[in-house]
C-alpha atoms as a PDB file:
ATOM      1  CA  MET A   1     -31.772  31.559 -14.526  1.00  0.00           C
ATOM      2  CA  SER A   2     -28.501  33.480 -14.225  1.00  0.00           C
ATOM      3  CA  GLU A   3     -25.455  32.849 -16.404  1.00  0.00           C
ATOM      4  CA  ASN A   4     -23.096  30.203 -15.098  1.00  0.00           C
ATOM      5  CA  THR A   5     -19.755  31.711 -14.062  1.00  0.00           C
ATOM      6  CA  VAL A   6     -17.872  28.604 -12.933  1.00  0.00           C
ATOM      7  CA  THR A   7     -14.283  28.835 -14.180  1.00  0.00           C
ATOM      8  CA  ARG A   8     -11.654  26.221 -14.870  1.00  0.00           C
ATOM      9  CA  ASP A   9      -9.840  27.296 -11.680  1.00  0.00           C
ATOM     10  CA  ASP A  10     -13.028  26.717  -9.638  1.00  0.00           C
ATOM     11  CA  LEU A  11     -13.310  23.206 -11.068  1.00  0.00           C
ATOM     12  CA  LEU A  12      -9.623  22.407 -10.466  1.00  0.00           C
ATOM     13  CA  ALA A  13      -9.962  23.622  -6.871  1.00  0.00           C
ATOM     14  CA  VAL A  14     -12.799  21.118  -6.288  1.00  0.00           C
ATOM     15  CA  VAL A  15     -10.759  18.296  -7.839  1.00  0.00           C
ATOM     16  CA  ASN A  16      -7.640  19.164  -5.819  1.00  0.00           C
ATOM     17  CA  THR A  17      -9.666  19.389  -2.602  1.00  0.00           C
ATOM     18  CA  ALA A  18     -11.029  15.905  -3.327  1.00  0.00           C
ATOM     19  CA  GLY A  19      -7.451  14.579  -3.467  1.00  0.00           C
ATOM     20  CA  LEU A  20      -7.390  13.606  -7.132  1.00  0.00           C
ATOM     21  CA  THR A  21      -4.188  13.619  -9.170  1.00  0.00           C
ATOM     22  CA  VAL A  22      -4.297  16.222 -11.951  1.00  0.00           C
ATOM     23  CA  VAL A  23      -2.172  15.828 -15.087  1.00  0.00           C
ATOM     24  CA  GLU A  24      -2.141  18.620 -17.648  1.00  0.00           C
ATOM     25  CA  GLN A  25      -2.589  17.455 -21.234  1.00  0.00           C
ATOM     26  CA  SER A  26      -2.765  19.458 -24.446  1.00  0.00           C
ATOM     27  CA  ALA A  27      -6.498  20.289 -24.338  1.00  0.00           C
ATOM     28  CA  TYR A  28      -7.643  18.873 -20.975  1.00  0.00           C
ATOM     29  CA  PHE A  29      -6.657  18.286 -17.383  1.00  0.00           C
ATOM     30  CA  LYS A  30      -6.863  14.552 -16.664  1.00  0.00           C
ATOM     31  CA  CYS A  31      -7.953  13.833 -13.090  1.00  0.00           C
ATOM     32  CA  THR A  32      -7.422  10.368 -11.605  1.00  0.00           C
ATOM     33  CA  PHE A  33      -7.244   8.704  -8.204  1.00  0.00           C
ATOM     34  CA  ASP A  34      -4.733   6.189  -6.903  1.00  0.00           C
ATOM     35  CA  GLY A  35      -3.224   5.487 -10.335  1.00  0.00           C
ATOM     36  CA  ARG A  36      -6.448   4.039 -11.756  1.00  0.00           C
ATOM     37  CA  LYS A  37      -6.740   4.144 -15.522  1.00  0.00           C
ATOM     38  CA  ASP A  38     -10.321   2.924 -15.914  1.00  0.00           C
ATOM     39  CA  VAL A  39     -12.098   5.969 -14.428  1.00  0.00           C
ATOM     40  CA  ARG A  40     -11.151   9.604 -15.048  1.00  0.00           C
ATOM     41  CA  ILE A  41     -12.486  13.135 -15.075  1.00  0.00           C
ATOM     42  CA  TYR A  42     -11.397  15.412 -17.919  1.00  0.00           C
ATOM     43  CA  ILE A  43     -11.654  19.198 -17.500  1.00  0.00           C
ATOM     44  CA  ALA A  44     -11.304  21.354 -20.615  1.00  0.00           C
ATOM     45  CA  LYS A  45      -8.372  23.796 -20.453  1.00  0.00           C
ATOM     46  CA  SER A  46     -10.378  26.807 -21.673  1.00  0.00           C
ATOM     47  CA  ASN A  47     -10.484  29.703 -19.179  1.00  0.00           C
ATOM     48  CA  LYS A  48     -14.221  29.405 -18.779  1.00  0.00           C
ATOM     49  CA  ALA A  49     -14.586  25.640 -18.650  1.00  0.00           C
ATOM     50  CA  ALA A  50     -17.307  24.676 -21.059  1.00  0.00           C
ATOM     51  CA  ARG A  51     -16.836  20.942 -20.689  1.00  0.00           C
ATOM     52  CA  VAL A  52     -16.124  18.331 -18.020  1.00  0.00           C
ATOM     53  CA  ASP A  53     -16.279  14.657 -19.026  1.00  0.00           C
ATOM     54  CA  LEU A  54     -16.749  11.688 -16.685  1.00  0.00           C
ATOM     55  CA  SER A  55     -14.941   8.774 -18.320  1.00  0.00           C
ATOM     56  CA  GLY A  56     -15.519   5.175 -17.257  1.00  0.00           C
ATOM     57  CA  PHE A  57     -18.255   6.080 -14.750  1.00  0.00           C
ATOM     58  CA  THR A  58     -21.122   8.494 -14.168  1.00  0.00           C
ATOM     59  CA  VAL A  59     -23.233   9.911 -11.352  1.00  0.00           C
ATOM     60  CA  LYS A  60     -27.004  10.277 -11.651  1.00  0.00           C
ATOM     61  CA  ARG A  61     -27.817  13.699 -10.192  1.00  0.00           C
ATOM     62  CA  ASP A  62     -28.697  17.254 -11.121  1.00  0.00           C
ATOM     63  CA  GLY A  63     -25.889  18.984 -12.978  1.00  0.00           C
ATOM     64  CA  ILE A  64     -24.695  15.838 -14.789  1.00  0.00           C
ATOM     65  CA  THR A  65     -25.954  14.810 -18.222  1.00  0.00           C
ATOM     66  CA  GLN A  66     -25.889  11.056 -18.851  1.00  0.00           C
ATOM     67  CA  ILE A  67     -24.228   9.878 -22.097  1.00  0.00           C
ATOM     68  CA  SER A  68     -25.133   6.488 -23.583  1.00  0.00           C
ATOM     69  CA  ARG A  69     -22.525   4.266 -25.215  1.00  0.00           C
ATOM     70  CA  ASP A  70     -24.078   4.944 -28.613  1.00  0.00           C
ATOM     71  CA  GLU A  71     -23.963   8.712 -28.052  1.00  0.00           C
ATOM     72  CA  ALA A  72     -20.355   8.496 -26.871  1.00  0.00           C
ATOM     73  CA  LYS A  73     -19.424   6.434 -29.921  1.00  0.00           C
ATOM     74  CA  GLU A  74     -21.251   8.812 -32.263  1.00  0.00           C
ATOM     75  CA  GLN A  75     -19.542  11.856 -30.721  1.00  0.00           C
ATOM     76  CA  ARG A  76     -16.177  10.042 -30.474  1.00  0.00           C
ATOM     77  CA  LEU A  77     -16.019  10.425 -26.709  1.00  0.00           C
ATOM     78  CA  GLY A  78     -14.506   7.044 -25.898  1.00  0.00           C
ATOM     79  CA  ALA A  79     -15.584   5.819 -22.455  1.00  0.00           C
ATOM     80  CA  VAL A  80     -17.358   9.061 -21.441  1.00  0.00           C
ATOM     81  CA  GLN A  81     -20.608   8.264 -19.622  1.00  0.00           C
ATOM     82  CA  GLY A  82     -21.490  11.700 -18.270  1.00  0.00           C
ATOM     83  CA  GLN A  83     -20.796  15.428 -18.662  1.00  0.00           C
ATOM     84  CA  LEU A  84     -21.295  18.351 -16.311  1.00  0.00           C
ATOM     85  CA  ASP A  85     -24.282  20.461 -17.306  1.00  0.00           C
ATOM     86  CA  PHE A  86     -23.269  24.128 -17.257  1.00  0.00           C
ATOM     87  CA  SER A  87     -26.812  25.323 -17.944  1.00  0.00           C
ATOM     88  CA  VAL A  88     -27.609  24.996 -14.224  1.00  0.00           C
ATOM     89  CA  ASP A  89     -26.504  27.366 -11.436  1.00  0.00           C
ATOM     90  CA  ASN A  90     -22.912  27.514 -10.138  1.00  0.00           C
ATOM     91  CA  GLU A  91     -23.676  25.736  -6.871  1.00  0.00           C
ATOM     92  CA  THR A  92     -25.286  22.766  -8.657  1.00  0.00           C
ATOM     93  CA  VAL A  93     -22.305  22.447 -11.042  1.00  0.00           C
ATOM     94  CA  LEU A  94     -19.738  22.519  -8.226  1.00  0.00           C
ATOM     95  CA  ASP A  95     -21.817  20.107  -6.102  1.00  0.00           C
ATOM     96  CA  ALA A  96     -22.135  17.718  -9.068  1.00  0.00           C
ATOM     97  CA  LEU A  97     -18.357  17.798  -9.598  1.00  0.00           C
ATOM     98  CA  THR A  98     -17.758  17.151  -5.882  1.00  0.00           C
ATOM     99  CA  LYS A  99     -20.049  14.108  -6.005  1.00  0.00           C
ATOM    100  CA  ALA A 100     -18.361  12.925  -9.218  1.00  0.00           C
ATOM    101  CA  CYS A 101     -14.948  13.128  -7.507  1.00  0.00           C
ATOM    102  CA  GLU A 102     -16.275  11.076  -4.580  1.00  0.00           C
ATOM    103  CA  ALA A 103     -17.784   8.517  -6.969  1.00  0.00           C
ATOM    104  CA  LEU A 104     -14.541   8.260  -8.964  1.00  0.00           C
ATOM    105  CA  LYS A 105     -12.631   7.374  -5.787  1.00  0.00           C
ATOM    106  CA  VAL A 106     -14.950   4.466  -4.920  1.00  0.00           C
ATOM    107  CA  ALA A 107     -15.948   3.287  -8.416  1.00  0.00           C
ATOM    108  CA  PRO A 108     -15.627  -0.484  -8.688  1.00  0.00           C
ATOM    109  CA  ALA A 109     -12.743  -1.651 -10.831  1.00  0.00           C
ATOM    110  CA  LYS A 110     -13.796  -2.917 -14.207  1.00  0.00           C
ATOM    111  CA  GLU A 111     -12.900  -6.488 -15.000  1.00  0.00           C
ATOM    112  CA  LYS A 112     -10.515  -6.656 -17.888  1.00  0.00           C
ATOM    113  CA  THR A 113     -10.973  -9.374 -20.424  1.00  0.00           C
ATOM    114  CA  VAL A 114      -7.589 -10.718 -21.351  1.00  0.00           C
ATOM    115  CA  THR A 115      -7.304 -12.667 -24.540  1.00  0.00           C
ATOM    116  CA  ALA A 116      -4.259 -14.741 -25.236  1.00  0.00           C
ATOM    117  CA  ARG A 117      -2.746 -14.083 -28.602  1.00  0.00           C
ATOM    118  CA  THR A 118      -1.280 -16.894 -30.579  1.00  0.00           C
ATOM    119  CA  PRO A 119       2.027 -15.831 -32.059  1.00  0.00           C
ATOM    120  CA  LYS A 120       1.989 -15.678 -35.811  1.00  0.00           C
ATOM    121  CA  VAL A 121       4.514 -18.004 -37.372  1.00  0.00           C
ATOM    122  CA  LYS A 122       5.431 -17.582 -40.983  1.00  0.00           C
ATOM    123  CA  VAL A 123       6.032 -20.953 -42.547  1.00  0.00           C
ATOM    124  CA  GLU A 124       7.819 -20.829 -45.839  1.00  0.00           C
ATOM    125  CA  GLU A 125       7.683 -23.751 -48.189  1.00  0.00           C
ATOM    126  CA  PRO A 126      11.101 -24.607 -49.543  1.00  0.00           C
ATOM    127  CA  ASP A 127      11.692 -23.756 -53.185  1.00  0.00           C
ATOM    128  CA  THR A 128      13.845 -26.778 -53.710  1.00  0.00           C
ATOM    129  CA  ALA A 129      14.316 -29.951 -51.763  1.00  0.00           C
ATOM    130  CA  PRO A 130      16.390 -30.924 -49.748  1.00  0.00           C
ATOM    131  CA  THR A 131      17.185 -27.985 -47.423  1.00  0.00           C
ATOM    132  CA  SER A 132      18.367 -29.231 -44.035  1.00  0.00           C
ATOM    133  CA  ASP A 133      21.793 -30.640 -43.294  1.00  0.00           C
ATOM    134  CA  LEU A 134      20.256 -34.005 -42.476  1.00  0.00           C
ATOM    135  CA  GLU A 135      18.366 -34.150 -45.755  1.00  0.00           C
ATOM    136  CA  THR A 136      21.525 -33.170 -47.625  1.00  0.00           C
ATOM    137  CA  LEU A 137      23.422 -36.040 -45.998  1.00  0.00           C
ATOM    138  CA  MET A 138      20.587 -38.458 -46.635  1.00  0.00           C
ATOM    139  CA  ASN A 139      20.161 -37.358 -50.275  1.00  0.00           C
ATOM    140  CA  PRO A 140      23.503 -36.092 -51.483  1.00  0.00           C
ATOM    141  CA  GLU A 141      23.723 -34.501 -54.883  1.00  0.00           C
ATOM    142  CA  PRO A 142      25.909 -36.517 -57.204  1.00  0.00           C
ATOM    143  CA  VAL A 143      29.392 -35.173 -57.659  1.00  0.00           C
ATOM    144  CA  GLU A 144      31.166 -36.279 -60.769  1.00  0.00           C
ATOM    145  CA  ASP A 145      34.750 -35.170 -60.412  1.00  0.00           C
ATOM    146  CA  GLU A 146      35.409 -35.205 -56.690  1.00  0.00           C
ATOM    147  CA  ALA A 147      35.377 -37.901 -54.122  1.00  0.00           C
ATOM    148  CA  VAL A 148      32.973 -37.047 -51.316  1.00  0.00           C
ATOM    149  CA  ASP A 149      33.669 -38.177 -47.785  1.00  0.00           C
ATOM    150  CA  LEU A 150      30.360 -38.874 -46.053  1.00  0.00           C
ATOM    151  CA  THR A 151      31.951 -39.948 -42.810  1.00  0.00           C
ATOM    152  CA  VAL A 152      30.234 -38.227 -39.865  1.00  0.00           C
ATOM    153  CA  THR A 153      31.706 -37.959 -36.388  1.00  0.00           C
ATOM    154  CA  LYS A 154      29.599 -38.601 -33.276  1.00  0.00           C
ATOM    155  CA  GLU A 155      29.455 -34.874 -32.504  1.00  0.00           C
ATOM    156  CA  GLU A 156      28.352 -34.048 -36.058  1.00  0.00           C
ATOM    157  CA  ARG A 157      25.716 -36.791 -35.933  1.00  0.00           C
ATOM    158  CA  ARG A 158      24.336 -35.473 -32.621  1.00  0.00           C
ATOM    159  CA  ALA A 159      24.245 -31.953 -34.046  1.00  0.00           C
ATOM    160  CA  LEU A 160      22.402 -33.220 -37.127  1.00  0.00           C
ATOM    161  CA  ILE A 161      19.882 -35.128 -35.003  1.00  0.00           C
ATOM    162  CA  LYS A 162      19.325 -32.025 -32.860  1.00  0.00           C
ATOM    163  CA  LYS A 163      18.847 -29.926 -36.002  1.00  0.00           C
ATOM    164  CA  ALA A 164      16.395 -32.501 -37.387  1.00  0.00           C
ATOM    165  CA  ALA A 165      14.400 -32.371 -34.140  1.00  0.00           C
ATOM    166  CA  GLU A 166      14.256 -28.558 -34.378  1.00  0.00           C
ATOM    167  CA  VAL A 167      13.060 -28.742 -37.987  1.00  0.00           C
ATOM    168  CA  ALA A 168      10.443 -31.344 -37.021  1.00  0.00           C
ATOM    169  CA  ALA A 169       9.246 -29.139 -34.140  1.00  0.00           C
ATOM    170  CA  LEU A 170       8.836 -26.177 -36.502  1.00  0.00           C
ATOM    171  CA  ALA A 171       6.881 -28.358 -38.917  1.00  0.00           C
ATOM    172  CA  VAL A 172       4.396 -29.201 -36.124  1.00  0.00           C
ATOM    173  CA  ILE A 173       3.691 -25.532 -35.413  1.00  0.00           C
END
């Protein structure tokens, strides 16, 4: 078997011909279609491309090595399910990449599981009682030297009732 001479430029030409969007990253070219984020092809930036990852999908054919979830996890490959096999001849590698590009464009969208998060509420117990305005009016601290006017206007009473309702609502949470 002859040495594989497929270059990064050869691979990018196949991807561009297939109509994929190519975004240059620090170590790879990320290839996507139609803004999808669940399926991608990553091409290593080295001059002689030694690695092409199929992320979120795979194609079962010559020139593509299948990667199990356990293998991907062990090798820290994320969602990679297949890699181009550069031990085969140039034509097989380029044909495998062409088929991978076609498969990426028609791969079914993965269903996302959305979990609702309950907001975390920090409830602090009061150090001393009473703390709210209503409690203060209901349980005034004794004042020895001053006369205290406990007369409340209608507006003040409504505000205190509203405040009490807010405090009660927080206590329910």
